[in-house]
Amino acid sequence: MARYFDVHPENPQSRTIRQVVDIVREGGLIAYPTDSCFAFGCKLGDKAGLDRIRDIRKLDERHHFTLVCRDFAQLGQFVKVDNSVFRLVKASTPGPYTFILPALREVPRRMLHPKKHTVGVRIPEHPVAQALLAELGEPLVSSTLLLPGDEEPMTQGWEIKERLDHLVDAVIDSGECGTEPTTVVDLSEGEPEILRVGAGDPARFE
């Protein structure tokens, strides 16, 4: 059964955040809120966690997982940010955007697009997500909490607990979350290519 944590949306309780991060460090899979919608999260390098997300969402090997980073400095440790895209990414973070960029060696191979060797990265503007990342000290490997057959992600923590009780190790509830995933922008070739229009404004990339 998944542990259920009720967290304040603006001032997350430090003790609770530490408990959740301990679960992640021990190889747990969590469902947590972001500034776009709920997401799955596991520890970087956790192959079993990736496999669990793939299994729950029925994803193929071409799916871009996302490294959810605390800040721009941390993001730069995992992806190559050329001068041509630096300002664009910097001006759009934190926020509901996922950027596809060339991965550096610090990113586990199993997370990469098999042909392009790219990975998704983002910096969320959500107090709970930021508190988790600060306590963890490294990115969370994430994917939108969208289940097969569902048209939209679930918005309520209690609903996620009911449906995924035996599939995840923890659910963080900080109130209702959005239903729109991030806007995904591929910057791996230099010129922005919008792959998905979501919660973020795509106009700045057109």
C-alpha atoms as a PDB file:
ATOM      1  CA  MET A   1       0.000   0.000   0.000  1.00  0.00           C
ATOM      2  CA  ALA A   2       1.142   3.514  -0.816  1.00  0.00           C
ATOM      3  CA  ARG A   3       1.861   5.914   2.029  1.00  0.00           C
ATOM      4  CA  TYR A   4      -0.286   9.042   1.855  1.00  0.00           C
ATOM      5  CA  PHE A   5       1.176  12.432   2.760  1.00  0.00           C
ATOM      6  CA  ASP A   6      -0.964  15.540   3.163  1.00  0.00           C
ATOM      7  CA  VAL A   7       1.351  18.493   2.473  1.00  0.00           C
ATOM      8  CA  HIS A   8       0.737  22.222   2.693  1.00  0.00           C
ATOM      9  CA  PRO A   9       0.764  23.630  -0.883  1.00  0.00           C
ATOM     10  CA  GLU A  10       2.785  26.756  -0.083  1.00  0.00           C
ATOM     11  CA  ASN A  11       4.754  25.859   3.046  1.00  0.00           C
ATOM     12  CA  PRO A  12       5.446  22.117   2.842  1.00  0.00           C
ATOM     13  CA  GLN A  13       6.266  20.547   6.203  1.00  0.00           C
ATOM     14  CA  SER A  14       9.997  19.758   6.361  1.00  0.00           C
ATOM     15  CA  ARG A  15       9.519  16.518   8.295  1.00  0.00           C
ATOM     16  CA  THR A  16       7.046  15.178   5.735  1.00  0.00           C
ATOM     17  CA  ILE A  17       9.286  16.156   2.819  1.00  0.00           C
ATOM     18  CA  ARG A  18      12.195  14.293   4.458  1.00  0.00           C
ATOM     19  CA  GLN A  19      10.022  11.195   4.840  1.00  0.00           C
ATOM     20  CA  VAL A  20       9.082  11.254   1.161  1.00  0.00           C
ATOM     21  CA  VAL A  21      12.687  11.808   0.060  1.00  0.00           C
ATOM     22  CA  ASP A  22      13.771   8.852   2.210  1.00  0.00           C
ATOM     23  CA  ILE A  23      11.309   6.696   0.261  1.00  0.00           C
ATOM     24  CA  VAL A  24      12.794   7.941  -3.027  1.00  0.00           C
ATOM     25  CA  ARG A  25      16.363   7.283  -1.856  1.00  0.00           C
ATOM     26  CA  GLU A  26      15.385   3.743  -0.890  1.00  0.00           C
ATOM     27  CA  GLY A  27      14.155   3.055  -4.429  1.00  0.00           C
ATOM     28  CA  GLY A  28      10.529   4.076  -4.026  1.00  0.00           C
ATOM     29  CA  LEU A  29       8.199   5.420  -6.707  1.00  0.00           C
ATOM     30  CA  ILE A  30       6.162   8.488  -5.759  1.00  0.00           C
ATOM     31  CA  ALA A  31       3.270  10.500  -7.162  1.00  0.00           C
ATOM     32  CA  TYR A  32       3.821  14.198  -6.559  1.00  0.00           C
ATOM     33  CA  PRO A  33       2.349  17.584  -7.638  1.00  0.00           C
ATOM     34  CA  THR A  34       4.016  19.991 -10.056  1.00  0.00           C
ATOM     35  CA  ASP A  35       3.081  23.344 -11.592  1.00  0.00           C
ATOM     36  CA  SER A  36       1.428  21.537 -14.515  1.00  0.00           C
ATOM     37  CA  CYS A  37      -0.059  18.285 -13.187  1.00  0.00           C
ATOM     38  CA  PHE A  38       0.770  15.278 -11.021  1.00  0.00           C
ATOM     39  CA  ALA A  39       3.855  13.276 -11.988  1.00  0.00           C
ATOM     40  CA  PHE A  40       5.563  10.011 -11.185  1.00  0.00           C
ATOM     41  CA  GLY A  41       9.004  10.406  -9.651  1.00  0.00           C
ATOM     42  CA  CYS A  42      11.913   8.131  -8.806  1.00  0.00           C
ATOM     43  CA  LYS A  43      15.639   8.391  -8.055  1.00  0.00           C
ATOM     44  CA  LEU A  44      18.149   9.061 -10.824  1.00  0.00           C
ATOM     45  CA  GLY A  45      19.719   5.777 -11.882  1.00  0.00           C
ATOM     46  CA  ASP A  46      16.849   3.694 -10.457  1.00  0.00           C
ATOM     47  CA  LYS A  47      16.276   1.158 -13.264  1.00  0.00           C
ATOM     48  CA  ALA A  48      13.442  -0.551 -11.374  1.00  0.00           C
ATOM     49  CA  GLY A  49      11.706   2.815 -10.939  1.00  0.00           C
ATOM     50  CA  LEU A  50      11.912   3.527 -14.664  1.00  0.00           C
ATOM     51  CA  ASP A  51      10.576   0.065 -15.458  1.00  0.00           C
ATOM     52  CA  ARG A  52       7.669   0.576 -13.058  1.00  0.00           C
ATOM     53  CA  ILE A  53       6.725   3.874 -14.714  1.00  0.00           C
ATOM     54  CA  ARG A  54       6.964   2.285 -18.170  1.00  0.00           C
ATOM     55  CA  ASP A  55       4.771  -0.589 -17.018  1.00  0.00           C
ATOM     56  CA  ILE A  56       2.120   1.612 -15.370  1.00  0.00           C
ATOM     57  CA  ARG A  57       1.912   3.986 -18.346  1.00  0.00           C
ATOM     58  CA  LYS A  58       2.576   1.334 -21.049  1.00  0.00           C
ATOM     59  CA  LEU A  59       5.419   3.376 -22.551  1.00  0.00           C
ATOM     60  CA  ASP A  60       7.805   2.283 -25.269  1.00  0.00           C
ATOM     61  CA  GLU A  61      11.567   2.852 -25.418  1.00  0.00           C
ATOM     62  CA  ARG A  62      11.161   6.088 -27.385  1.00  0.00           C
ATOM     63  CA  HIS A  63       9.428   7.846 -24.509  1.00  0.00           C
ATOM     64  CA  HIS A  64      11.352  10.849 -23.217  1.00  0.00           C
ATOM     65  CA  PHE A  65      11.608  10.710 -19.458  1.00  0.00           C
ATOM     66  CA  THR A  66      12.202  14.036 -17.747  1.00  0.00           C
ATOM     67  CA  LEU A  67      14.865  15.106 -15.294  1.00  0.00           C
ATOM     68  CA  VAL A  68      13.065  17.496 -12.965  1.00  0.00           C
ATOM     69  CA  CYS A  69      15.728  19.869 -11.666  1.00  0.00           C
ATOM     70  CA  ARG A  70      15.830  22.320  -8.780  1.00  0.00           C
ATOM     71  CA  ASP A  71      17.432  25.181 -10.718  1.00  0.00           C
ATOM     72  CA  PHE A  72      19.242  26.140 -13.898  1.00  0.00           C
ATOM     73  CA  ALA A  73      22.668  25.318 -12.447  1.00  0.00           C
ATOM     74  CA  GLN A  74      21.594  21.754 -11.710  1.00  0.00           C
ATOM     75  CA  LEU A  75      19.977  21.412 -15.134  1.00  0.00           C
ATOM     76  CA  GLY A  76      23.289  22.381 -16.744  1.00  0.00           C
ATOM     77  CA  GLN A  77      25.013  19.411 -15.094  1.00  0.00           C
ATOM     78  CA  PHE A  78      22.953  16.935 -17.125  1.00  0.00           C
ATOM     79  CA  VAL A  79      22.299  18.477 -20.555  1.00  0.00           C
ATOM     80  CA  LYS A  80      24.236  20.473 -23.115  1.00  0.00           C
ATOM     81  CA  VAL A  81      22.910  24.036 -23.293  1.00  0.00           C
ATOM     82  CA  ASP A  82      24.442  25.870 -26.248  1.00  0.00           C
ATOM     83  CA  ASN A  83      24.574  29.658 -26.381  1.00  0.00           C
ATOM     84  CA  SER A  84      21.813  29.591 -28.983  1.00  0.00           C
ATOM     85  CA  VAL A  85      19.283  28.141 -26.531  1.00  0.00           C
ATOM     86  CA  PHE A  86      20.704  29.380 -23.217  1.00  0.00           C
ATOM     87  CA  ARG A  87      18.621  32.548 -23.018  1.00  0.00           C
ATOM     88  CA  LEU A  88      15.466  30.800 -24.169  1.00  0.00           C
ATOM     89  CA  VAL A  89      15.680  28.116 -21.497  1.00  0.00           C
ATOM     90  CA  LYS A  90      16.797  30.544 -18.780  1.00  0.00           C
ATOM     91  CA  ALA A  91      13.919  32.934 -19.528  1.00  0.00           C
ATOM     92  CA  SER A  92      11.354  30.110 -19.398  1.00  0.00           C
ATOM     93  CA  THR A  93      12.373  28.556 -16.094  1.00  0.00           C
ATOM     94  CA  PRO A  94      11.032  27.863 -13.601  1.00  0.00           C
ATOM     95  CA  GLY A  95       7.753  27.103 -15.315  1.00  0.00           C
ATOM     96  CA  PRO A  96       5.564  24.456 -17.008  1.00  0.00           C
ATOM     97  CA  TYR A  97       7.982  23.680 -19.842  1.00  0.00           C
ATOM     98  CA  THR A  98       9.951  20.552 -20.695  1.00  0.00           C
ATOM     99  CA  PHE A  99      12.986  20.956 -22.936  1.00  0.00           C
ATOM    100  CA  ILE A 100      14.485  18.166 -25.018  1.00  0.00           C
ATOM    101  CA  LEU A 101      18.263  18.649 -25.077  1.00  0.00           C
ATOM    102  CA  PRO A 102      21.411  16.588 -25.764  1.00  0.00           C
ATOM    103  CA  ALA A 103      22.304  14.612 -22.649  1.00  0.00           C
ATOM    104  CA  LEU A 104      25.681  14.665 -20.939  1.00  0.00           C
ATOM    105  CA  ARG A 105      27.407  11.535 -19.620  1.00  0.00           C
ATOM    106  CA  GLU A 106      25.851  12.025 -16.183  1.00  0.00           C
ATOM    107  CA  VAL A 107      22.477  10.851 -17.551  1.00  0.00           C
ATOM    108  CA  PRO A 108      21.976   7.063 -17.414  1.00  0.00           C
ATOM    109  CA  ARG A 109      21.852   5.561 -20.918  1.00  0.00           C
ATOM    110  CA  ARG A 110      18.524   3.860 -20.288  1.00  0.00           C
ATOM    111  CA  MET A 111      16.892   7.286 -19.916  1.00  0.00           C
ATOM    112  CA  LEU A 112      18.041   8.526 -23.315  1.00  0.00           C
ATOM    113  CA  HIS A 113      16.169   8.542 -26.594  1.00  0.00           C
ATOM    114  CA  PRO A 114      17.727   5.475 -28.308  1.00  0.00           C
ATOM    115  CA  LYS A 115      18.721   7.314 -31.483  1.00  0.00           C
ATOM    116  CA  LYS A 116      19.031  10.975 -30.558  1.00  0.00           C
ATOM    117  CA  HIS A 117      20.696  10.564 -27.116  1.00  0.00           C
ATOM    118  CA  THR A 118      18.500  13.359 -25.798  1.00  0.00           C
ATOM    119  CA  VAL A 119      16.576  13.712 -22.556  1.00  0.00           C
ATOM    120  CA  GLY A 120      13.803  15.947 -21.239  1.00  0.00           C
ATOM    121  CA  VAL A 121      14.580  18.502 -18.517  1.00  0.00           C
ATOM    122  CA  ARG A 122      12.444  20.966 -16.589  1.00  0.00           C
ATOM    123  CA  ILE A 123      12.431  23.232 -13.539  1.00  0.00           C
ATOM    124  CA  PRO A 124       9.019  23.337 -11.838  1.00  0.00           C
ATOM    125  CA  GLU A 125       7.532  26.379 -10.154  1.00  0.00           C
ATOM    126  CA  HIS A 126       5.744  24.528  -7.357  1.00  0.00           C
ATOM    127  CA  PRO A 127       6.678  24.812  -3.670  1.00  0.00           C
ATOM    128  CA  VAL A 128       6.195  21.105  -2.939  1.00  0.00           C
ATOM    129  CA  ALA A 129       8.203  19.929  -5.958  1.00  0.00           C
ATOM    130  CA  GLN A 130      10.931  22.444  -5.130  1.00  0.00           C
ATOM    131  CA  ALA A 131      11.038  21.294  -1.500  1.00  0.00           C
ATOM    132  CA  LEU A 132      11.458  17.671  -2.619  1.00  0.00           C
ATOM    133  CA  LEU A 133      14.279  18.598  -5.005  1.00  0.00           C
ATOM    134  CA  ALA A 134      16.058  20.694  -2.372  1.00  0.00           C
ATOM    135  CA  GLU A 135      15.961  17.862   0.147  1.00  0.00           C
ATOM    136  CA  LEU A 136      16.933  15.202  -2.418  1.00  0.00           C
ATOM    137  CA  GLY A 137      19.887  17.210  -3.741  1.00  0.00           C
ATOM    138  CA  GLU A 138      19.594  15.799  -7.266  1.00  0.00           C
ATOM    139  CA  PRO A 139      16.964  15.673 -10.037  1.00  0.00           C
ATOM    140  CA  LEU A 140      13.885  13.476  -9.884  1.00  0.00           C
ATOM    141  CA  VAL A 141      13.309  11.210 -12.860  1.00  0.00           C
ATOM    142  CA  SER A 142       9.724  11.941 -13.819  1.00  0.00           C
ATOM    143  CA  SER A 143       6.877  11.273 -16.193  1.00  0.00           C
ATOM    144  CA  THR A 144       3.369  12.735 -16.364  1.00  0.00           C
ATOM    145  CA  LEU A 145       0.879  10.815 -14.235  1.00  0.00           C
ATOM    146  CA  LEU A 146      -1.363   9.938 -17.152  1.00  0.00           C
ATOM    147  CA  LEU A 147      -2.732   6.407 -17.165  1.00  0.00           C
ATOM    148  CA  PRO A 148      -3.505   4.335 -20.278  1.00  0.00           C
ATOM    149  CA  GLY A 149      -7.047   5.012 -21.478  1.00  0.00           C
ATOM    150  CA  ASP A 150      -7.358   8.281 -19.543  1.00  0.00           C
ATOM    151  CA  GLU A 151      -7.696  11.492 -21.539  1.00  0.00           C
ATOM    152  CA  GLU A 152      -6.440  13.701 -18.720  1.00  0.00           C
ATOM    153  CA  PRO A 153      -4.162  13.250 -15.693  1.00  0.00           C
ATOM    154  CA  MET A 154      -5.856  12.785 -12.339  1.00  0.00           C
ATOM    155  CA  THR A 155      -6.092  15.966 -10.276  1.00  0.00           C
ATOM    156  CA  GLN A 156      -6.774  14.656  -6.761  1.00  0.00           C
ATOM    157  CA  GLY A 157      -4.283  12.959  -4.468  1.00  0.00           C
ATOM    158  CA  TRP A 158      -6.917  10.729  -2.863  1.00  0.00           C
ATOM    159  CA  GLU A 159      -7.999   9.487  -6.301  1.00  0.00           C
ATOM    160  CA  ILE A 160      -4.400   8.612  -7.181  1.00  0.00           C
ATOM    161  CA  LYS A 161      -4.082   6.766  -3.861  1.00  0.00           C
ATOM    162  CA  GLU A 162      -7.222   4.745  -4.625  1.00  0.00           C
ATOM    163  CA  ARG A 163      -6.221   3.791  -8.173  1.00  0.00           C
ATOM    164  CA  LEU A 164      -2.484   3.299  -7.722  1.00  0.00           C
ATOM    165  CA  ASP A 165      -2.325   2.086  -4.121  1.00  0.00           C
ATOM    166  CA  HIS A 166      -0.503  -1.134  -5.036  1.00  0.00           C
ATOM    167  CA  LEU A 167       1.653   0.407  -7.807  1.00  0.00           C
ATOM    168  CA  VAL A 168       3.397   3.359  -6.104  1.00  0.00           C
ATOM    169  CA  ASP A 169       5.062   3.739  -2.712  1.00  0.00           C
ATOM    170  CA  ALA A 170       3.889   7.243  -1.782  1.00  0.00           C
ATOM    171  CA  VAL A 171       1.323   9.840  -2.838  1.00  0.00           C
ATOM    172  CA  ILE A 172       1.805  13.503  -1.951  1.00  0.00           C
ATOM    173  CA  ASP A 173      -1.419  15.495  -1.778  1.00  0.00           C
ATOM    174  CA  SER A 174      -1.167  19.290  -1.613  1.00  0.00           C
ATOM    175  CA  GLY A 175      -4.602  20.048  -3.035  1.00  0.00           C
ATOM    176  CA  GLU A 176      -5.989  19.916  -6.530  1.00  0.00           C
ATOM    177  CA  CYS A 177      -3.428  19.899  -9.318  1.00  0.00           C
ATOM    178  CA  GLY A 178      -3.784  20.928 -12.952  1.00  0.00           C
ATOM    179  CA  THR A 179      -4.766  18.675 -15.850  1.00  0.00           C
ATOM    180  CA  GLU A 180      -2.440  20.059 -18.507  1.00  0.00           C
ATOM    181  CA  PRO A 181       1.017  18.512 -18.856  1.00  0.00           C
ATOM    182  CA  THR A 182       3.966  20.754 -19.677  1.00  0.00           C
ATOM    183  CA  THR A 183       4.569  22.307 -23.059  1.00  0.00           C
ATOM    184  CA  VAL A 184       7.379  20.236 -24.603  1.00  0.00           C
ATOM    185  CA  VAL A 185       9.951  22.001 -26.764  1.00  0.00           C
ATOM    186  CA  ASP A 186      12.708  20.162 -28.637  1.00  0.00           C
ATOM    187  CA  LEU A 187      15.847  22.316 -28.647  1.00  0.00           C
ATOM    188  CA  SER A 188      18.276  19.534 -29.523  1.00  0.00           C
ATOM    189  CA  GLU A 189      18.815  20.880 -33.052  1.00  0.00           C
ATOM    190  CA  GLY A 190      19.077  24.512 -31.955  1.00  0.00           C
ATOM    191  CA  GLU A 191      15.813  25.732 -33.476  1.00  0.00           C
ATOM    192  CA  PRO A 192      12.761  25.270 -31.227  1.00  0.00           C
ATOM    193  CA  GLU A 193      10.312  22.577 -32.289  1.00  0.00           C
ATOM    194  CA  ILE A 194       7.124  22.384 -30.232  1.00  0.00           C
ATOM    195  CA  LEU A 195       6.298  18.719 -29.663  1.00  0.00           C
ATOM    196  CA  ARG A 196       3.350  19.241 -27.316  1.00  0.00           C
ATOM    197  CA  VAL A 197       1.307  22.285 -26.401  1.00  0.00           C
ATOM    198  CA  GLY A 198       0.437  22.180 -22.715  1.00  0.00           C
ATOM    199  CA  ALA A 199       0.299  24.388 -19.648  1.00  0.00           C
ATOM    200  CA  GLY A 200       3.059  26.743 -20.791  1.00  0.00           C
ATOM    201  CA  ASP A 201       2.625  29.439 -23.439  1.00  0.00           C
ATOM    202  CA  PRO A 202       4.145  28.122 -26.690  1.00  0.00           C
ATOM    203  CA  ALA A 203       4.224  31.573 -28.340  1.00  0.00           C
ATOM    204  CA  ARG A 204       7.721  32.372 -27.029  1.00  0.00           C
ATOM    205  CA  PHE A 205       9.124  29.442 -29.012  1.00  0.00           C
ATOM    206  CA  GLU A 206       7.414  30.154 -32.337  1.00  0.00           C
END
